[in-house]
Amino acid sequence: MLKFRKIALAAIIGSAFAMPAQAQTTLTFSTWVPPTHHLSVWQRNWAAELEKATGGRVKGQELPKAPAAAPGTFDAVRDGLVDFSYVTASYTPARHILPLMAELPGAGLTAEINSVAYSRIHWKHFQKIGEYRGVKLMAVWTHSPGQIFTKKPFKSLAEFKGMKIRTGGGIAEAVANALGASAFVKPAPESYELLNSGVADGVFFPFESIASFKLDKVISQATVFPGGLYSSSFGFFMNEDKWNKLSKQDQDIVESMTGEAAARSNGKSWDAADKVGMEALKAAGANITNATPAMIAEAQKRNGPIIEDWITKASVKVPNAKAILAEFREELKKVAAGK
């Protein structure tokens, strides 16, 4: 009996000093671009940083394959097929009208400038409208200025007319058509085959995409417009049920790693990737030329109706859409000046 009491007492004392088991939440995530693409790397690093910041309470698990094609990413996260991911609003322009503001011609010179300015405007004016209703939106950003990449050179928009140009949709498609191209929409990862097979004569992309999708061997010319002809706006979001199951402590940590901080870090990542893409084109012997003043002026003239069309559509949701666009233009200047 005495021996039993000693064992029982030891068990009680041991349990009193034992640390409670740490609950762990696993969040699945996916990417629809190649695993080596800087967006995939950025998201992977973000998940690793989240695990470290939460002391291992929240862990990311990358799926070997995205559960849906790129345009279905929003629905896949909303419906719980994957816990968090990102996608460009260009793929869902009917659902995400307001983010297309950041895709209009006439933005800043880098992805960091555009991403930070857009993030500030979104959280101030657009988030409350609810175009990302159904998911927990964590951040928005843009890619770097989009340019024209073609298999053969052209020196005027008259020579560009009729070229079959792959775009991601949204503003990019509208701009390509306005400049005289025969634009069509296909996911970015299909671009190499489209160009190599002759289905496409060119693509609208930032410089980053040349290396990311290995297009340096099928592109002979890059035509560069100041600030680009368009951009693509992205949303980074989490399944709402998974978000609600996180503790307040861990939700606060996620919040500290998203918003403008995520927009800035992703912008920097994109700008660094742009340099890699440009070097790949140079190494392949492609021509990288600046658009002539005449081409720039003509493009601005033709793109005017696209900007007005966005204002008209956005005004249904935000009556002061024109003023918000002007505010975005001013925010671009502030960010470029380091403010």
C-alpha atoms as a PDB file:
ATOM      1  CA  MET A   1       0.000   0.000   0.000  1.00  0.00           C
ATOM      2  CA  LEU A   2       2.826   2.365   0.906  1.00  0.00           C
ATOM      3  CA  LYS A   3       4.530   1.715  -2.435  1.00  0.00           C
ATOM      4  CA  PHE A   4       1.267   2.469  -4.312  1.00  0.00           C
ATOM      5  CA  ARG A   5       0.851   5.755  -2.454  1.00  0.00           C
ATOM      6  CA  LYS A   6       4.394   6.816  -3.404  1.00  0.00           C
ATOM      7  CA  ILE A   7       3.735   6.057  -7.072  1.00  0.00           C
ATOM      8  CA  ALA A   8       0.430   7.953  -6.997  1.00  0.00           C
ATOM      9  CA  LEU A   9       2.049  10.943  -5.310  1.00  0.00           C
ATOM     10  CA  ALA A  10       4.829  11.006  -7.891  1.00  0.00           C
ATOM     11  CA  ALA A  11       2.275  10.958 -10.709  1.00  0.00           C
ATOM     12  CA  ILE A  12       0.380  13.900  -9.182  1.00  0.00           C
ATOM     13  CA  ILE A  13       3.558  15.938  -8.765  1.00  0.00           C
ATOM     14  CA  GLY A  14       4.700  15.082 -12.300  1.00  0.00           C
ATOM     15  CA  SER A  15       1.431  16.174 -13.836  1.00  0.00           C
ATOM     16  CA  ALA A  16       1.516  19.434 -11.953  1.00  0.00           C
ATOM     17  CA  PHE A  17       4.826  20.388 -13.529  1.00  0.00           C
ATOM     18  CA  ALA A  18       4.181  18.964 -17.003  1.00  0.00           C
ATOM     19  CA  MET A  19       3.782  21.500 -19.817  1.00  0.00           C
ATOM     20  CA  PRO A  20       0.431  21.333 -21.611  1.00  0.00           C
ATOM     21  CA  ALA A  21       0.595  19.856 -25.112  1.00  0.00           C
ATOM     22  CA  GLN A  22       0.894  22.596 -27.707  1.00  0.00           C
ATOM     23  CA  ALA A  23      -1.964  22.618 -30.184  1.00  0.00           C
ATOM     24  CA  GLN A  24      -0.850  22.994 -33.787  1.00  0.00           C
ATOM     25  CA  THR A  25      -2.884  24.275 -36.722  1.00  0.00           C
ATOM     26  CA  THR A  26      -1.818  23.166 -40.180  1.00  0.00           C
ATOM     27  CA  LEU A  27      -2.746  25.469 -43.053  1.00  0.00           C
ATOM     28  CA  THR A  28      -2.521  24.097 -46.575  1.00  0.00           C
ATOM     29  CA  PHE A  29      -1.434  26.420 -49.364  1.00  0.00           C
ATOM     30  CA  SER A  30      -0.959  26.120 -53.098  1.00  0.00           C
ATOM     31  CA  THR A  31       0.473  27.933 -56.094  1.00  0.00           C
ATOM     32  CA  TRP A  32      -0.609  27.904 -59.738  1.00  0.00           C
ATOM     33  CA  VAL A  33       2.722  29.071 -61.143  1.00  0.00           C
ATOM     34  CA  PRO A  34       5.886  26.915 -61.242  1.00  0.00           C
ATOM     35  CA  PRO A  35       7.392  26.070 -57.824  1.00  0.00           C
ATOM     36  CA  THR A  36      10.501  28.071 -58.713  1.00  0.00           C
ATOM     37  CA  HIS A  37       8.509  31.218 -59.565  1.00  0.00           C
ATOM     38  CA  HIS A  38       9.239  34.018 -57.131  1.00  0.00           C
ATOM     39  CA  LEU A  39       5.551  34.155 -56.121  1.00  0.00           C
ATOM     40  CA  SER A  40       5.749  30.501 -55.088  1.00  0.00           C
ATOM     41  CA  VAL A  41       8.986  31.169 -53.217  1.00  0.00           C
ATOM     42  CA  TRP A  42       7.528  34.248 -51.527  1.00  0.00           C
ATOM     43  CA  GLN A  43       4.463  32.338 -50.310  1.00  0.00           C
ATOM     44  CA  ARG A  44       6.614  29.425 -49.119  1.00  0.00           C
ATOM     45  CA  ASN A  45       8.839  31.824 -47.189  1.00  0.00           C
ATOM     46  CA  TRP A  46       5.787  33.591 -45.749  1.00  0.00           C
ATOM     47  CA  ALA A  47       4.453  30.282 -44.419  1.00  0.00           C
ATOM     48  CA  ALA A  48       7.845  29.478 -42.874  1.00  0.00           C
ATOM     49  CA  GLU A  49       7.997  32.898 -41.222  1.00  0.00           C
ATOM     50  CA  LEU A  50       4.478  32.424 -39.860  1.00  0.00           C
ATOM     51  CA  GLU A  51       5.448  29.095 -38.313  1.00  0.00           C
ATOM     52  CA  LYS A  52       8.496  30.693 -36.698  1.00  0.00           C
ATOM     53  CA  ALA A  53       6.566  33.745 -35.463  1.00  0.00           C
ATOM     54  CA  THR A  54       3.884  31.577 -33.851  1.00  0.00           C
ATOM     55  CA  GLY A  55       6.409  29.277 -32.201  1.00  0.00           C
ATOM     56  CA  GLY A  56       5.195  26.382 -34.313  1.00  0.00           C
ATOM     57  CA  ARG A  57       1.517  26.784 -33.417  1.00  0.00           C
ATOM     58  CA  VAL A  58       0.619  27.520 -37.045  1.00  0.00           C
ATOM     59  CA  LYS A  59       2.329  25.439 -39.687  1.00  0.00           C
ATOM     60  CA  GLY A  60       2.027  25.637 -43.469  1.00  0.00           C
ATOM     61  CA  GLN A  61       1.761  22.607 -45.720  1.00  0.00           C
ATOM     62  CA  GLU A  62       2.244  23.173 -49.452  1.00  0.00           C
ATOM     63  CA  LEU A  63       0.062  21.034 -51.676  1.00  0.00           C
ATOM     64  CA  PRO A  64       1.925  19.258 -54.488  1.00  0.00           C
ATOM     65  CA  LYS A  65      -0.607  20.616 -56.961  1.00  0.00           C
ATOM     66  CA  ALA A  66      -3.114  23.463 -56.922  1.00  0.00           C
ATOM     67  CA  PRO A  67      -6.664  22.106 -56.396  1.00  0.00           C
ATOM     68  CA  ALA A  68      -8.032  24.320 -59.169  1.00  0.00           C
ATOM     69  CA  ALA A  69      -6.886  26.155 -62.267  1.00  0.00           C
ATOM     70  CA  ALA A  70      -5.689  29.700 -61.628  1.00  0.00           C
ATOM     71  CA  PRO A  71      -9.065  31.417 -62.255  1.00  0.00           C
ATOM     72  CA  GLY A  72     -10.686  29.082 -59.697  1.00  0.00           C
ATOM     73  CA  THR A  73      -8.273  29.944 -56.877  1.00  0.00           C
ATOM     74  CA  PHE A  74     -10.657  32.301 -55.081  1.00  0.00           C
ATOM     75  CA  ASP A  75     -13.408  29.682 -54.994  1.00  0.00           C
ATOM     76  CA  ALA A  76     -10.952  26.954 -53.967  1.00  0.00           C
ATOM     77  CA  VAL A  77      -9.913  28.952 -50.891  1.00  0.00           C
ATOM     78  CA  ARG A  78     -13.466  30.042 -50.100  1.00  0.00           C
ATOM     79  CA  ASP A  79     -14.724  26.456 -50.296  1.00  0.00           C
ATOM     80  CA  GLY A  80     -11.878  25.023 -48.245  1.00  0.00           C
ATOM     81  CA  LEU A  81     -10.084  23.041 -50.943  1.00  0.00           C
ATOM     82  CA  VAL A  82      -6.947  24.883 -49.844  1.00  0.00           C
ATOM     83  CA  ASP A  83      -6.494  27.150 -46.820  1.00  0.00           C
ATOM     84  CA  PHE A  84      -4.664  30.076 -48.379  1.00  0.00           C
ATOM     85  CA  SER A  85      -3.361  31.202 -51.747  1.00  0.00           C
ATOM     86  CA  TYR A  86      -3.247  34.190 -54.098  1.00  0.00           C
ATOM     87  CA  VAL A  87      -4.519  35.059 -57.561  1.00  0.00           C
ATOM     88  CA  THR A  88      -4.665  38.017 -59.887  1.00  0.00           C
ATOM     89  CA  ALA A  89      -7.950  39.892 -60.214  1.00  0.00           C
ATOM     90  CA  SER A  90      -7.411  39.832 -63.992  1.00  0.00           C
ATOM     91  CA  TYR A  91      -8.683  36.249 -64.007  1.00  0.00           C
ATOM     92  CA  THR A  92     -11.991  37.229 -62.377  1.00  0.00           C
ATOM     93  CA  PRO A  93     -12.771  40.738 -63.712  1.00  0.00           C
ATOM     94  CA  ALA A  94     -16.539  40.362 -63.314  1.00  0.00           C
ATOM     95  CA  ARG A  95     -16.130  39.666 -59.591  1.00  0.00           C
ATOM     96  CA  HIS A  96     -13.206  41.982 -58.860  1.00  0.00           C
ATOM     97  CA  ILE A  97     -13.842  45.298 -60.579  1.00  0.00           C
ATOM     98  CA  LEU A  98     -12.249  47.689 -58.086  1.00  0.00           C
ATOM     99  CA  PRO A  99      -8.792  46.017 -58.042  1.00  0.00           C
ATOM    100  CA  LEU A 100      -8.546  46.699 -61.774  1.00  0.00           C
ATOM    101  CA  MET A 101      -7.727  50.300 -60.838  1.00  0.00           C
ATOM    102  CA  ALA A 102      -4.180  49.130 -60.087  1.00  0.00           C
ATOM    103  CA  GLU A 103      -3.964  47.544 -63.551  1.00  0.00           C
ATOM    104  CA  LEU A 104      -4.702  50.720 -65.512  1.00  0.00           C
ATOM    105  CA  PRO A 105      -2.018  52.308 -67.684  1.00  0.00           C
ATOM    106  CA  GLY A 106      -0.088  55.133 -66.087  1.00  0.00           C
ATOM    107  CA  ALA A 107       1.069  53.613 -62.813  1.00  0.00           C
ATOM    108  CA  GLY A 108       4.529  53.795 -61.239  1.00  0.00           C
ATOM    109  CA  LEU A 109       7.900  52.546 -62.386  1.00  0.00           C
ATOM    110  CA  THR A 110       8.282  49.539 -60.085  1.00  0.00           C
ATOM    111  CA  ALA A 111       6.249  46.778 -58.492  1.00  0.00           C
ATOM    112  CA  GLU A 112       7.125  48.027 -55.007  1.00  0.00           C
ATOM    113  CA  ILE A 113       5.807  51.523 -55.737  1.00  0.00           C
ATOM    114  CA  ASN A 114       2.632  50.219 -57.340  1.00  0.00           C
ATOM    115  CA  SER A 115       2.001  47.539 -54.706  1.00  0.00           C
ATOM    116  CA  VAL A 116       2.346  49.839 -51.701  1.00  0.00           C
ATOM    117  CA  ALA A 117       0.238  52.602 -53.266  1.00  0.00           C
ATOM    118  CA  TYR A 118      -2.466  50.135 -54.283  1.00  0.00           C
ATOM    119  CA  SER A 119      -2.461  48.509 -50.852  1.00  0.00           C
ATOM    120  CA  ARG A 120      -3.056  51.868 -49.167  1.00  0.00           C
ATOM    121  CA  ILE A 121      -5.937  52.726 -51.482  1.00  0.00           C
ATOM    122  CA  HIS A 122      -7.519  49.284 -51.224  1.00  0.00           C
ATOM    123  CA  TRP A 123      -7.649  49.181 -47.437  1.00  0.00           C
ATOM    124  CA  LYS A 124      -8.855  52.778 -47.258  1.00  0.00           C
ATOM    125  CA  HIS A 125     -11.556  52.674 -49.940  1.00  0.00           C
ATOM    126  CA  PHE A 126     -12.185  49.226 -51.448  1.00  0.00           C
ATOM    127  CA  GLN A 127     -12.081  46.635 -48.676  1.00  0.00           C
ATOM    128  CA  LYS A 128     -15.395  47.769 -47.153  1.00  0.00           C
ATOM    129  CA  ILE A 129     -17.164  47.237 -50.497  1.00  0.00           C
ATOM    130  CA  GLY A 130     -16.731  43.490 -50.103  1.00  0.00           C
ATOM    131  CA  GLU A 131     -15.422  42.218 -53.437  1.00  0.00           C
ATOM    132  CA  TYR A 132     -13.342  39.728 -51.440  1.00  0.00           C
ATOM    133  CA  ARG A 133     -16.300  38.680 -49.319  1.00  0.00           C
ATOM    134  CA  GLY A 134     -16.170  34.960 -48.537  1.00  0.00           C
ATOM    135  CA  VAL A 135     -12.473  34.816 -47.738  1.00  0.00           C
ATOM    136  CA  LYS A 136     -10.170  36.521 -45.259  1.00  0.00           C
ATOM    137  CA  LEU A 137      -8.223  38.934 -47.457  1.00  0.00           C
ATOM    138  CA  MET A 138      -4.712  39.351 -46.080  1.00  0.00           C
ATOM    139  CA  ALA A 139      -2.919  41.490 -48.654  1.00  0.00           C
ATOM    140  CA  VAL A 140      -3.043  42.996 -52.116  1.00  0.00           C
ATOM    141  CA  TRP A 141      -0.191  43.895 -54.448  1.00  0.00           C
ATOM    142  CA  THR A 142       0.646  44.269 -58.144  1.00  0.00           C
ATOM    143  CA  HIS A 143       3.291  42.900 -60.436  1.00  0.00           C
ATOM    144  CA  SER A 144       5.797  45.187 -62.084  1.00  0.00           C
ATOM    145  CA  PRO A 145       4.928  47.278 -65.165  1.00  0.00           C
ATOM    146  CA  GLY A 146       3.653  45.094 -67.997  1.00  0.00           C
ATOM    147  CA  GLN A 147       5.339  45.402 -71.395  1.00  0.00           C
ATOM    148  CA  ILE A 148       4.995  43.950 -74.897  1.00  0.00           C
ATOM    149  CA  PHE A 149       7.120  40.910 -75.786  1.00  0.00           C
ATOM    150  CA  THR A 150       6.944  39.613 -79.354  1.00  0.00           C
ATOM    151  CA  LYS A 151       8.490  36.971 -81.596  1.00  0.00           C
ATOM    152  CA  LYS A 152       9.241  39.541 -84.294  1.00  0.00           C
ATOM    153  CA  PRO A 153      10.104  43.244 -84.060  1.00  0.00           C
ATOM    154  CA  PHE A 154       7.766  46.109 -84.781  1.00  0.00           C
ATOM    155  CA  LYS A 155       8.476  49.831 -84.982  1.00  0.00           C
ATOM    156  CA  SER A 156       4.970  51.253 -84.852  1.00  0.00           C
ATOM    157  CA  LEU A 157       1.505  50.350 -83.648  1.00  0.00           C
ATOM    158  CA  ALA A 158       0.559  49.955 -87.293  1.00  0.00           C
ATOM    159  CA  GLU A 159       3.047  47.047 -87.496  1.00  0.00           C
ATOM    160  CA  PHE A 160       1.759  45.701 -84.172  1.00  0.00           C
ATOM    161  CA  LYS A 161      -1.806  45.590 -85.498  1.00  0.00           C
ATOM    162  CA  GLY A 162      -3.280  42.110 -85.821  1.00  0.00           C
ATOM    163  CA  MET A 163      -0.654  40.302 -83.766  1.00  0.00           C
ATOM    164  CA  LYS A 164      -2.031  37.463 -81.654  1.00  0.00           C
ATOM    165  CA  ILE A 165      -1.206  38.449 -78.100  1.00  0.00           C
ATOM    166  CA  ARG A 166      -1.672  36.311 -74.986  1.00  0.00           C
ATOM    167  CA  THR A 167      -2.847  38.284 -71.955  1.00  0.00           C
ATOM    168  CA  GLY A 168      -4.113  37.471 -68.490  1.00  0.00           C
ATOM    169  CA  GLY A 169      -7.409  39.219 -69.214  1.00  0.00           C
ATOM    170  CA  GLY A 170      -8.836  42.300 -67.569  1.00  0.00           C
ATOM    171  CA  ILE A 171      -7.091  45.568 -68.349  1.00  0.00           C
ATOM    172  CA  ALA A 172      -4.206  43.864 -70.164  1.00  0.00           C
ATOM    173  CA  GLU A 173      -6.585  42.334 -72.693  1.00  0.00           C
ATOM    174  CA  ALA A 174      -8.393  45.629 -73.185  1.00  0.00           C
ATOM    175  CA  VAL A 175      -5.120  47.515 -73.729  1.00  0.00           C
ATOM    176  CA  ALA A 176      -3.788  44.942 -76.194  1.00  0.00           C
ATOM    177  CA  ASN A 177      -6.979  45.184 -78.242  1.00  0.00           C
ATOM    178  CA  ALA A 178      -6.949  48.985 -78.082  1.00  0.00           C
ATOM    179  CA  LEU A 179      -3.422  49.004 -79.499  1.00  0.00           C
ATOM    180  CA  GLY A 180      -4.614  46.922 -82.442  1.00  0.00           C
ATOM    181  CA  ALA A 181      -3.686  43.396 -81.403  1.00  0.00           C
ATOM    182  CA  SER A 182      -5.882  40.326 -81.552  1.00  0.00           C
ATOM    183  CA  ALA A 183      -5.765  39.613 -77.828  1.00  0.00           C
ATOM    184  CA  PHE A 184      -6.831  36.435 -76.078  1.00  0.00           C
ATOM    185  CA  VAL A 185      -6.761  35.157 -72.508  1.00  0.00           C
ATOM    186  CA  LYS A 186      -4.759  32.161 -71.316  1.00  0.00           C
ATOM    187  CA  PRO A 187      -3.103  31.329 -67.970  1.00  0.00           C
ATOM    188  CA  ALA A 188       0.496  32.485 -67.705  1.00  0.00           C
ATOM    189  CA  PRO A 189       2.052  28.975 -67.434  1.00  0.00           C
ATOM    190  CA  GLU A 190       0.782  28.138 -70.944  1.00  0.00           C
ATOM    191  CA  SER A 191       2.698  30.981 -72.573  1.00  0.00           C
ATOM    192  CA  TYR A 192       5.761  29.052 -73.741  1.00  0.00           C
ATOM    193  CA  GLU A 193       3.722  26.515 -75.673  1.00  0.00           C
ATOM    194  CA  LEU A 194       1.481  29.231 -77.124  1.00  0.00           C
ATOM    195  CA  LEU A 195       4.507  31.076 -78.481  1.00  0.00           C
ATOM    196  CA  ASN A 196       6.447  28.010 -79.530  1.00  0.00           C
ATOM    197  CA  SER A 197       3.502  26.557 -81.445  1.00  0.00           C
ATOM    198  CA  GLY A 198       2.648  29.807 -83.204  1.00  0.00           C
ATOM    199  CA  VAL A 199      -0.727  30.218 -81.512  1.00  0.00           C
ATOM    200  CA  ALA A 200       0.593  33.490 -80.070  1.00  0.00           C
ATOM    201  CA  ASP A 201       2.808  36.123 -81.718  1.00  0.00           C
ATOM    202  CA  GLY A 202       3.580  37.729 -78.403  1.00  0.00           C
ATOM    203  CA  VAL A 203       2.614  38.224 -74.783  1.00  0.00           C
ATOM    204  CA  PHE A 204       1.852  41.005 -72.333  1.00  0.00           C
ATOM    205  CA  PHE A 205       4.006  40.407 -69.255  1.00  0.00           C
ATOM    206  CA  PRO A 206       6.376  42.043 -66.793  1.00  0.00           C
ATOM    207  CA  PHE A 207      10.077  41.294 -67.423  1.00  0.00           C
ATOM    208  CA  GLU A 208      10.024  38.786 -64.563  1.00  0.00           C
ATOM    209  CA  SER A 209       7.873  36.378 -66.567  1.00  0.00           C
ATOM    210  CA  ILE A 210      10.510  35.907 -69.262  1.00  0.00           C
ATOM    211  CA  ALA A 211      12.707  33.914 -66.880  1.00  0.00           C
ATOM    212  CA  SER A 212       9.870  32.453 -64.797  1.00  0.00           C
ATOM    213  CA  PHE A 213       8.192  30.857 -67.807  1.00  0.00           C
ATOM    214  CA  LYS A 214      11.403  30.307 -69.821  1.00  0.00           C
ATOM    215  CA  LEU A 215      10.335  32.549 -72.699  1.00  0.00           C
ATOM    216  CA  ASP A 216      13.795  33.904 -73.576  1.00  0.00           C
ATOM    217  CA  LYS A 217      14.145  31.348 -76.383  1.00  0.00           C
ATOM    218  CA  VAL A 218      10.825  32.210 -78.042  1.00  0.00           C
ATOM    219  CA  ILE A 219      10.882  36.015 -77.714  1.00  0.00           C
ATOM    220  CA  SER A 220      13.002  38.280 -79.911  1.00  0.00           C
ATOM    221  CA  GLN A 221      11.825  41.747 -78.873  1.00  0.00           C
ATOM    222  CA  ALA A 222      10.724  43.638 -75.785  1.00  0.00           C
ATOM    223  CA  THR A 223       9.057  47.006 -76.348  1.00  0.00           C
ATOM    224  CA  VAL A 224       9.247  49.082 -73.185  1.00  0.00           C
ATOM    225  CA  PHE A 225       6.732  51.796 -72.274  1.00  0.00           C
ATOM    226  CA  PRO A 226       7.450  54.105 -69.306  1.00  0.00           C
ATOM    227  CA  GLY A 227       5.566  52.708 -66.323  1.00  0.00           C
ATOM    228  CA  GLY A 228       4.287  49.877 -68.494  1.00  0.00           C
ATOM    229  CA  LEU A 229       1.025  49.474 -70.369  1.00  0.00           C
ATOM    230  CA  TYR A 230      -0.778  47.702 -67.547  1.00  0.00           C
ATOM    231  CA  SER A 231      -0.193  45.743 -64.369  1.00  0.00           C
ATOM    232  CA  SER A 232      -1.952  42.858 -62.631  1.00  0.00           C
ATOM    233  CA  SER A 233      -3.426  43.224 -59.154  1.00  0.00           C
ATOM    234  CA  PHE A 234      -3.274  40.293 -56.755  1.00  0.00           C
ATOM    235  CA  GLY A 235      -5.235  39.233 -53.697  1.00  0.00           C
ATOM    236  CA  PHE A 236      -3.705  37.001 -50.995  1.00  0.00           C
ATOM    237  CA  PHE A 237      -6.372  35.362 -48.860  1.00  0.00           C
ATOM    238  CA  MET A 238      -7.265  32.642 -46.361  1.00  0.00           C
ATOM    239  CA  ASN A 239     -10.284  30.419 -45.855  1.00  0.00           C
ATOM    240  CA  GLU A 240     -12.568  32.156 -43.367  1.00  0.00           C
ATOM    241  CA  ASP A 241     -13.250  29.070 -41.224  1.00  0.00           C
ATOM    242  CA  LYS A 242      -9.531  28.442 -40.807  1.00  0.00           C
ATOM    243  CA  TRP A 243      -8.978  32.097 -39.969  1.00  0.00           C
ATOM    244  CA  ASN A 244     -11.710  32.044 -37.332  1.00  0.00           C
ATOM    245  CA  LYS A 245     -10.183  28.963 -35.717  1.00  0.00           C
ATOM    246  CA  LEU A 246      -6.849  30.696 -35.148  1.00  0.00           C
ATOM    247  CA  SER A 247      -6.328  32.127 -31.682  1.00  0.00           C
ATOM    248  CA  LYS A 248      -6.456  35.907 -31.265  1.00  0.00           C
ATOM    249  CA  GLN A 249      -2.725  35.815 -30.577  1.00  0.00           C
ATOM    250  CA  ASP A 250      -2.001  34.064 -33.867  1.00  0.00           C
ATOM    251  CA  GLN A 251      -4.453  36.219 -35.804  1.00  0.00           C
ATOM    252  CA  ASP A 252      -2.539  39.270 -34.581  1.00  0.00           C
ATOM    253  CA  ILE A 253       0.704  37.727 -35.817  1.00  0.00           C
ATOM    254  CA  VAL A 254      -0.814  37.082 -39.252  1.00  0.00           C
ATOM    255  CA  GLU A 255      -2.056  40.665 -39.375  1.00  0.00           C
ATOM    256  CA  SER A 256       1.458  41.929 -38.638  1.00  0.00           C
ATOM    257  CA  MET A 257       2.792  39.937 -41.591  1.00  0.00           C
ATOM    258  CA  THR A 258       0.190  41.007 -44.125  1.00  0.00           C
ATOM    259  CA  GLY A 259      -1.299  44.307 -45.331  1.00  0.00           C
ATOM    260  CA  GLU A 260       1.269  46.861 -46.485  1.00  0.00           C
ATOM    261  CA  ALA A 261       4.195  44.788 -45.186  1.00  0.00           C
ATOM    262  CA  ALA A 262       3.293  41.936 -47.526  1.00  0.00           C
ATOM    263  CA  ALA A 263       2.641  44.334 -50.408  1.00  0.00           C
ATOM    264  CA  ARG A 264       6.063  45.915 -50.024  1.00  0.00           C
ATOM    265  CA  SER A 265       7.984  42.646 -49.666  1.00  0.00           C
ATOM    266  CA  ASN A 266       6.201  41.126 -52.660  1.00  0.00           C
ATOM    267  CA  GLY A 267       6.858  44.247 -54.716  1.00  0.00           C
ATOM    268  CA  LYS A 268      10.561  44.061 -53.900  1.00  0.00           C
ATOM    269  CA  SER A 269      10.573  40.385 -54.811  1.00  0.00           C
ATOM    270  CA  TRP A 270       8.980  41.157 -58.161  1.00  0.00           C
ATOM    271  CA  ASP A 271      11.421  43.960 -58.944  1.00  0.00           C
ATOM    272  CA  ALA A 272      14.362  41.658 -58.225  1.00  0.00           C
ATOM    273  CA  ALA A 273      12.827  39.010 -60.500  1.00  0.00           C
ATOM    274  CA  ASP A 274      12.416  41.648 -63.240  1.00  0.00           C
ATOM    275  CA  LYS A 275      16.183  42.091 -63.355  1.00  0.00           C
ATOM    276  CA  VAL A 276      16.641  38.347 -63.813  1.00  0.00           C
ATOM    277  CA  GLY A 277      14.148  38.337 -66.690  1.00  0.00           C
ATOM    278  CA  MET A 278      15.824  41.268 -68.409  1.00  0.00           C
ATOM    279  CA  GLU A 279      19.242  39.622 -68.130  1.00  0.00           C
ATOM    280  CA  ALA A 280      17.817  36.403 -69.603  1.00  0.00           C
ATOM    281  CA  LEU A 281      16.519  38.315 -72.622  1.00  0.00           C
ATOM    282  CA  LYS A 282      19.839  40.085 -73.104  1.00  0.00           C
ATOM    283  CA  ALA A 283      21.710  36.791 -72.906  1.00  0.00           C
ATOM    284  CA  ALA A 284      19.391  35.338 -75.555  1.00  0.00           C
ATOM    285  CA  GLY A 285      20.199  38.214 -77.898  1.00  0.00           C
ATOM    286  CA  ALA A 286      16.727  39.750 -77.957  1.00  0.00           C
ATOM    287  CA  ASN A 287      16.172  43.401 -78.830  1.00  0.00           C
ATOM    288  CA  ILE A 288      15.063  45.525 -75.886  1.00  0.00           C
ATOM    289  CA  THR A 289      13.835  48.839 -77.246  1.00  0.00           C
ATOM    290  CA  ASN A 290      12.035  51.822 -75.772  1.00  0.00           C
ATOM    291  CA  ALA A 291       8.723  52.755 -77.325  1.00  0.00           C
ATOM    292  CA  THR A 292       9.051  55.842 -79.494  1.00  0.00           C
ATOM    293  CA  PRO A 293       7.427  59.111 -78.351  1.00  0.00           C
ATOM    294  CA  ALA A 294       4.874  58.657 -81.136  1.00  0.00           C
ATOM    295  CA  MET A 295       3.978  55.166 -79.910  1.00  0.00           C
ATOM    296  CA  ILE A 296       3.685  56.384 -76.319  1.00  0.00           C
ATOM    297  CA  ALA A 297       1.408  59.266 -77.301  1.00  0.00           C
ATOM    298  CA  GLU A 298      -0.764  57.015 -79.467  1.00  0.00           C
ATOM    299  CA  ALA A 299      -1.018  54.411 -76.711  1.00  0.00           C
ATOM    300  CA  GLN A 300      -2.095  57.034 -74.189  1.00  0.00           C
ATOM    301  CA  LYS A 301      -4.775  58.253 -76.599  1.00  0.00           C
ATOM    302  CA  ARG A 302      -6.134  54.767 -77.251  1.00  0.00           C
ATOM    303  CA  ASN A 303      -6.034  53.796 -73.584  1.00  0.00           C
ATOM    304  CA  GLY A 304      -8.070  56.806 -72.489  1.00  0.00           C
ATOM    305  CA  PRO A 305     -11.448  55.066 -73.022  1.00  0.00           C
ATOM    306  CA  ILE A 306     -10.246  52.063 -70.965  1.00  0.00           C
ATOM    307  CA  ILE A 307      -9.604  54.316 -67.988  1.00  0.00           C
ATOM    308  CA  GLU A 308     -12.981  55.987 -68.429  1.00  0.00           C
ATOM    309  CA  ASP A 309     -14.669  52.589 -68.678  1.00  0.00           C
ATOM    310  CA  TRP A 310     -13.178  51.531 -65.336  1.00  0.00           C
ATOM    311  CA  ILE A 311     -14.371  54.769 -63.732  1.00  0.00           C
ATOM    312  CA  THR A 312     -17.890  54.164 -65.053  1.00  0.00           C
ATOM    313  CA  LYS A 313     -18.036  50.561 -63.799  1.00  0.00           C
ATOM    314  CA  ALA A 314     -16.364  51.298 -60.469  1.00  0.00           C
ATOM    315  CA  SER A 315     -18.681  54.257 -59.839  1.00  0.00           C
ATOM    316  CA  VAL A 316     -21.550  51.807 -59.392  1.00  0.00           C
ATOM    317  CA  LYS A 317     -19.802  50.579 -56.242  1.00  0.00           C
ATOM    318  CA  VAL A 318     -17.851  53.681 -55.206  1.00  0.00           C
ATOM    319  CA  PRO A 319     -19.457  56.905 -56.466  1.00  0.00           C
ATOM    320  CA  ASN A 320     -16.155  58.772 -56.053  1.00  0.00           C
ATOM    321  CA  ALA A 321     -14.178  56.339 -58.235  1.00  0.00           C
ATOM    322  CA  LYS A 322     -12.640  59.138 -60.311  1.00  0.00           C
ATOM    323  CA  ALA A 323     -11.381  60.895 -57.201  1.00  0.00           C
ATOM    324  CA  ILE A 324     -10.024  57.607 -55.807  1.00  0.00           C
ATOM    325  CA  LEU A 325      -8.088  57.015 -59.023  1.00  0.00           C
ATOM    326  CA  ALA A 326      -6.614  60.518 -58.729  1.00  0.00           C
ATOM    327  CA  GLU A 327      -5.715  59.755 -55.112  1.00  0.00           C
ATOM    328  CA  PHE A 328      -3.991  56.562 -56.259  1.00  0.00           C
ATOM    329  CA  ARG A 329      -1.919  58.566 -58.749  1.00  0.00           C
ATOM    330  CA  GLU A 330      -0.856  60.893 -55.930  1.00  0.00           C
ATOM    331  CA  GLU A 331      -0.072  57.951 -53.668  1.00  0.00           C
ATOM    332  CA  LEU A 332       2.219  56.557 -56.375  1.00  0.00           C
ATOM    333  CA  LYS A 333       4.206  59.789 -56.254  1.00  0.00           C
ATOM    334  CA  LYS A 334       4.407  59.677 -52.451  1.00  0.00           C
ATOM    335  CA  VAL A 335       5.681  56.111 -52.379  1.00  0.00           C
ATOM    336  CA  ALA A 336       8.206  56.873 -55.136  1.00  0.00           C
ATOM    337  CA  ALA A 337       9.455  59.748 -52.968  1.00  0.00           C
ATOM    338  CA  GLY A 338       9.910  57.411 -50.008  1.00  0.00           C
ATOM    339  CA  LYS A 339       6.833  58.503 -48.062  1.00  0.00           C
END
